[in-house]
Amino acid sequence: MPDIAFDLLLLLCAAAFFAGFVDSIAGGGGLITVPVMLIAGIPPLQTLGTNKVQSLFGAASATIAYARKGHVQLAEQLPMALMAIMGGALGAALATIVPGQALQAIMPVLLVAIAIFFAVKPNLNDLDTHRRVTPFTFGLTLVPVIGFYDGVFGPGTGSFFMLAFVTLAGFGMLKATAHTKLLNLGSNFGALIVFASFGAILWKIGLLMGTCQFLGAQLGSRFAMRIGAKLIKPLLVIVCVALAVKLLADPANPLRVWLSV
């Protein structure tokens, strides 16, 4: 583990706790933890790998909390989770040959579009609606594709899962959040296996932050189950916009370079 000052360790722990809280409700925890880990002096590759460790704790914590209250049936959703694992592993393994610049350019636009959708679409609540695709088709196509994206790039994965569950699977907001956390758990685990095989994980930091994120996710999931769509919807919009702003704030973002902004 790098020599990190005690105050920076406290900052990492606080960031992980808050990320777990936010991520368990609306996703986007990496928006908080990745910049803080870079500020602490952790190299970029180790930051990505270590972030998967603590993200795994947060996703597992939220999944357990939602499953205990019956919002997700773990045994029934196991095939989808396995597809997410496969997608996450393939994405992490193929990250070096995927056009990362194109992803960085497209992401802000997609995130803003998702934010607008959830902000303006009426009747978004915790009640299930009409299902447009079968669970088999959903699990065989969208789940591994979004999981693949999580392994390759990462930011916004939860937002994509949420959008898919609400618009195509017909899930209410709370049910979509619960299932998103399970699939996030799968894609994180798949990517973690690959990063671990390359030795790109700082385990002590990852486990320390993971413990804090676990606790934050427990608190966040309880808030989500208590308040439901009234909390999930606005926080999801905020997270999507914040992710887009963060990506566009980088002067090296390909979209800014292409537009000469």
Protein backbone atom coordinates (compact mmCIF):
# COMPACT_ATOMS: atom_id res chain seq x y z
CA MET A 1 0.00 0.00 0.00
CA PRO A 2 1.37 3.44 -0.87
CA ASP A 3 2.46 5.66 1.99
CA ILE A 4 -0.73 7.69 2.47
CA ALA A 5 -1.09 10.24 5.26
CA PHE A 6 -3.68 9.58 7.95
CA ASP A 7 -5.78 12.59 6.94
CA LEU A 8 -5.96 11.30 3.36
CA LEU A 9 -7.05 7.88 4.64
CA LEU A 10 -9.86 9.60 6.54
CA LEU A 11 -10.80 11.44 3.35
CA LEU A 12 -10.88 8.15 1.44
CA CYS A 13 -13.09 6.58 4.10
CA ALA A 14 -15.49 9.54 4.13
CA ALA A 15 -15.66 9.53 0.33
CA ALA A 16 -16.37 5.80 0.29
CA PHE A 17 -19.17 6.12 2.86
CA PHE A 18 -20.85 8.95 0.96
CA ALA A 19 -20.35 7.13 -2.35
CA GLY A 20 -22.01 4.04 -0.91
CA PHE A 21 -24.97 6.13 0.25
CA VAL A 22 -25.46 7.83 -3.13
CA ASP A 23 -24.69 4.77 -5.25
CA SER A 24 -27.21 2.58 -3.42
CA ILE A 25 -29.94 5.03 -4.42
CA ALA A 26 -29.02 6.41 -7.83
CA GLY A 27 -25.61 5.06 -8.86
CA GLY A 28 -22.60 7.26 -9.62
CA GLY A 29 -20.49 6.36 -6.59
CA GLY A 30 -17.35 6.33 -8.73
CA LEU A 31 -17.90 10.03 -9.40
CA ILE A 32 -16.97 10.54 -5.75
CA THR A 33 -14.35 7.88 -5.05
CA VAL A 34 -12.20 7.93 -8.20
CA PRO A 35 -11.24 11.65 -8.02
CA VAL A 36 -10.51 11.36 -4.29
CA MET A 37 -8.29 8.32 -4.85
CA LEU A 38 -6.36 10.20 -7.53
CA ILE A 39 -5.98 13.18 -5.17
CA ALA A 40 -4.57 10.78 -2.57
CA GLY A 41 -1.78 9.91 -5.01
CA ILE A 42 -2.95 6.48 -6.14
CA PRO A 43 -1.88 5.79 -9.77
CA PRO A 44 -4.73 5.72 -12.35
CA LEU A 45 -4.63 1.98 -13.10
CA GLN A 46 -4.56 1.06 -9.41
CA THR A 47 -7.35 3.57 -8.82
CA LEU A 48 -9.61 1.81 -11.31
CA GLY A 49 -8.80 -1.65 -9.95
CA THR A 50 -9.08 -0.66 -6.30
CA ASN A 51 -12.31 1.20 -6.98
CA LYS A 52 -13.85 -2.09 -8.15
CA VAL A 53 -13.05 -3.64 -4.76
CA GLN A 54 -14.83 -1.00 -2.72
CA SER A 55 -17.64 -0.70 -5.28
CA LEU A 56 -18.22 -4.42 -4.90
CA PHE A 57 -18.78 -3.94 -1.16
CA GLY A 58 -21.27 -1.14 -1.77
CA ALA A 59 -23.21 -3.06 -4.42
CA ALA A 60 -23.29 -6.18 -2.23
CA SER A 61 -24.49 -4.17 0.77
CA ALA A 62 -27.32 -2.54 -1.16
CA THR A 63 -28.28 -5.83 -2.83
CA ILE A 64 -28.54 -7.56 0.56
CA ALA A 65 -30.65 -4.73 1.98
CA TYR A 66 -33.06 -4.73 -0.97
CA ALA A 67 -33.27 -8.55 -1.05
CA ARG A 68 -34.13 -8.72 2.65
CA LYS A 69 -37.20 -6.56 1.98
CA GLY A 70 -38.21 -8.62 -1.06
CA HIS A 71 -37.44 -6.01 -3.73
CA VAL A 72 -35.20 -8.44 -5.63
CA GLN A 73 -35.30 -12.24 -5.69
CA LEU A 74 -31.65 -13.32 -5.78
CA ALA A 75 -32.26 -16.91 -6.93
CA GLU A 76 -34.51 -15.79 -9.81
CA GLN A 77 -32.09 -13.08 -10.95
CA LEU A 78 -28.95 -15.25 -10.78
CA PRO A 79 -28.81 -15.81 -14.59
CA MET A 80 -28.86 -12.04 -15.18
CA ALA A 81 -26.14 -11.55 -12.56
CA LEU A 82 -23.99 -14.17 -14.31
CA MET A 83 -24.44 -12.34 -17.62
CA ALA A 84 -23.37 -9.10 -15.91
CA ILE A 85 -20.27 -10.87 -14.55
CA MET A 86 -19.39 -12.08 -18.04
CA GLY A 87 -19.91 -8.63 -19.54
CA GLY A 88 -17.83 -6.91 -16.87
CA ALA A 89 -14.96 -9.38 -17.27
CA LEU A 90 -14.92 -9.05 -21.05
CA GLY A 91 -15.06 -5.28 -20.82
CA ALA A 92 -12.11 -5.11 -18.44
CA ALA A 93 -10.12 -7.62 -20.51
CA LEU A 94 -10.72 -5.77 -23.77
CA ALA A 95 -10.37 -2.26 -22.38
CA THR A 96 -7.06 -1.72 -24.18
CA ILE A 97 -8.58 -2.18 -27.66
CA VAL A 98 -11.97 -0.52 -27.18
CA PRO A 99 -12.08 3.06 -28.55
CA GLY A 100 -12.00 4.81 -25.20
CA GLN A 101 -12.00 8.27 -26.77
CA ALA A 102 -15.32 7.61 -28.46
CA LEU A 103 -16.83 6.49 -25.14
CA GLN A 104 -15.59 9.61 -23.37
CA ALA A 105 -17.10 11.79 -26.09
CA ILE A 106 -20.48 10.04 -26.18
CA MET A 107 -20.94 9.62 -22.43
CA PRO A 108 -21.79 13.25 -21.46
CA VAL A 109 -24.44 13.42 -24.20
CA LEU A 110 -26.03 10.13 -23.12
CA LEU A 111 -26.01 11.08 -19.44
CA VAL A 112 -27.70 14.41 -20.12
CA ALA A 113 -30.31 12.60 -22.23
CA ILE A 114 -30.98 10.14 -19.38
CA ALA A 115 -31.26 13.04 -16.90
CA ILE A 116 -33.79 14.80 -19.14
CA PHE A 117 -35.79 11.59 -19.55
CA PHE A 118 -36.15 11.00 -15.82
CA ALA A 119 -36.72 14.70 -15.12
CA VAL A 120 -39.58 15.25 -17.59
CA LYS A 121 -41.24 11.84 -17.95
CA PRO A 122 -44.52 11.81 -16.01
CA ASN A 123 -45.84 8.98 -13.87
CA LEU A 124 -42.44 7.66 -12.83
CA ASN A 125 -43.15 6.00 -9.50
CA ASP A 126 -42.65 2.73 -7.68
CA LEU A 127 -45.39 0.88 -9.58
CA ASP A 128 -44.51 -1.58 -12.34
CA THR A 129 -45.70 -0.74 -15.87
CA HIS A 130 -45.95 -2.52 -19.23
CA ARG A 131 -43.00 -4.81 -20.00
CA ARG A 132 -41.62 -4.33 -23.51
CA VAL A 133 -39.10 -7.19 -23.63
CA THR A 134 -39.04 -10.63 -22.03
CA PRO A 135 -36.68 -11.27 -19.10
CA PHE A 136 -34.78 -13.78 -21.29
CA THR A 137 -34.15 -11.20 -24.03
CA PHE A 138 -33.31 -8.50 -21.50
CA GLY A 139 -30.78 -10.74 -19.72
CA LEU A 140 -29.22 -12.03 -22.92
CA THR A 141 -28.70 -8.66 -24.61
CA LEU A 142 -28.84 -5.51 -22.49
CA VAL A 143 -27.34 -6.93 -19.30
CA PRO A 144 -24.01 -8.16 -20.78
CA VAL A 145 -23.72 -5.06 -23.00
CA ILE A 146 -24.08 -2.66 -20.05
CA GLY A 147 -21.84 -4.94 -17.95
CA PHE A 148 -19.26 -4.79 -20.74
CA TYR A 149 -19.40 -1.01 -20.65
CA ASP A 150 -18.86 -1.11 -16.88
CA GLY A 151 -15.67 -3.11 -17.36
CA VAL A 152 -14.39 -0.87 -20.14
CA PHE A 153 -15.24 2.57 -18.77
CA GLY A 154 -17.62 2.55 -15.80
CA PRO A 155 -19.22 5.96 -15.09
CA GLY A 156 -22.97 5.95 -15.60
CA THR A 157 -23.44 2.15 -15.52
CA GLY A 158 -26.14 2.37 -12.86
CA SER A 159 -27.98 5.03 -14.87
CA PHE A 160 -27.99 2.79 -17.95
CA PHE A 161 -29.32 -0.18 -15.96
CA MET A 162 -32.00 2.04 -14.40
CA LEU A 163 -33.08 3.36 -17.80
CA ALA A 164 -33.29 -0.17 -19.22
CA PHE A 165 -35.27 -1.55 -16.29
CA VAL A 166 -37.77 1.33 -16.26
CA THR A 167 -38.33 1.67 -20.02
CA LEU A 168 -38.00 -1.93 -21.22
CA ALA A 169 -38.55 -4.22 -18.24
CA GLY A 170 -41.41 -2.06 -16.93
CA PHE A 171 -40.04 -1.87 -13.38
CA GLY A 172 -41.01 0.80 -10.89
CA MET A 173 -38.22 3.07 -9.64
CA LEU A 174 -37.52 1.22 -6.38
CA LYS A 175 -37.60 -2.22 -7.99
CA ALA A 176 -35.33 -0.97 -10.79
CA THR A 177 -32.88 0.40 -8.22
CA ALA A 178 -32.78 -2.91 -6.37
CA HIS A 179 -32.13 -4.93 -9.53
CA THR A 180 -29.56 -2.39 -10.74
CA LYS A 181 -27.52 -2.96 -7.59
CA LEU A 182 -27.52 -6.73 -8.16
CA LEU A 183 -26.29 -6.35 -11.74
CA ASN A 184 -23.74 -3.74 -10.65
CA LEU A 185 -22.49 -6.33 -8.19
CA GLY A 186 -22.09 -8.81 -11.04
CA SER A 187 -20.29 -6.48 -13.46
CA ASN A 188 -18.02 -5.19 -10.68
CA PHE A 189 -17.10 -8.75 -9.74
CA GLY A 190 -16.31 -9.69 -13.34
CA ALA A 191 -14.08 -6.64 -13.82
CA LEU A 192 -12.45 -7.21 -10.42
CA ILE A 193 -11.28 -10.68 -11.46
CA VAL A 194 -9.49 -9.22 -14.47
CA PHE A 195 -7.92 -6.29 -12.59
CA ALA A 196 -6.74 -8.67 -9.86
CA SER A 197 -5.09 -10.93 -12.42
CA PHE A 198 -3.05 -7.92 -13.61
CA GLY A 199 -2.08 -6.96 -10.04
CA ALA A 200 -3.82 -3.59 -10.38
CA ILE A 201 -5.46 -3.59 -6.94
CA LEU A 202 -4.32 -2.06 -3.65
CA TRP A 203 -6.14 -4.51 -1.40
CA LYS A 204 -5.69 -2.78 1.96
CA ILE A 205 -7.08 0.51 0.68
CA GLY A 206 -9.82 -1.27 -1.25
CA LEU A 207 -10.95 -3.28 1.77
CA LEU A 208 -10.81 -0.23 4.06
CA MET A 209 -12.88 1.85 1.67
CA GLY A 210 -15.11 -1.15 0.98
CA THR A 211 -16.06 -1.39 4.65
CA CYS A 212 -17.04 2.29 4.66
CA GLN A 213 -18.96 1.96 1.41
CA PHE A 214 -20.80 -1.09 2.79
CA LEU A 215 -22.04 1.01 5.73
CA GLY A 216 -22.98 3.94 3.48
CA ALA A 217 -24.93 1.66 1.16
CA GLN A 218 -26.86 0.19 4.08
CA LEU A 219 -27.97 3.70 5.08
CA GLY A 220 -28.72 4.78 1.51
CA SER A 221 -30.78 1.71 0.63
CA ARG A 222 -32.88 2.21 3.76
CA PHE A 223 -33.61 5.80 2.72
CA ALA A 224 -34.53 4.62 -0.79
CA MET A 225 -36.92 1.96 0.52
CA ARG A 226 -38.52 4.43 2.93
CA ILE A 227 -39.00 7.30 0.46
CA GLY A 228 -38.99 5.49 -2.91
CA ALA A 229 -39.27 7.29 -6.25
CA LYS A 230 -39.56 10.72 -4.56
CA LEU A 231 -35.89 10.34 -3.54
CA ILE A 232 -34.56 8.10 -6.33
CA LYS A 233 -35.79 10.18 -9.28
CA PRO A 234 -34.28 13.59 -8.36
CA LEU A 235 -31.04 12.05 -7.09
CA LEU A 236 -30.68 10.06 -10.31
CA VAL A 237 -31.09 13.25 -12.36
CA ILE A 238 -28.50 15.06 -10.21
CA VAL A 239 -26.01 12.19 -10.50
CA CYS A 240 -26.36 12.00 -14.29
CA VAL A 241 -25.82 15.75 -14.70
CA ALA A 242 -22.89 15.72 -12.26
CA LEU A 243 -21.23 12.86 -14.16
CA ALA A 244 -21.68 14.71 -17.46
CA VAL A 245 -20.24 17.93 -16.01
CA LYS A 246 -17.27 16.05 -14.55
CA LEU A 247 -16.47 14.39 -17.87
CA LEU A 248 -16.78 17.66 -19.78
CA ALA A 249 -14.67 19.53 -17.21
CA ASP A 250 -11.62 17.62 -18.44
CA PRO A 251 -9.94 19.78 -21.13
CA ALA A 252 -8.72 16.55 -22.76
CA ASN A 253 -12.24 15.21 -23.24
CA PRO A 254 -12.50 14.28 -26.94
CA LEU A 255 -15.85 16.07 -27.31
CA ARG A 256 -14.31 19.35 -26.16
CA VAL A 257 -11.28 18.77 -28.38
CA TRP A 258 -13.43 18.06 -31.44
CA LEU A 259 -15.62 21.11 -30.78
CA SER A 260 -12.56 23.25 -29.91
CA VAL A 261 -14.19 24.35 -26.65
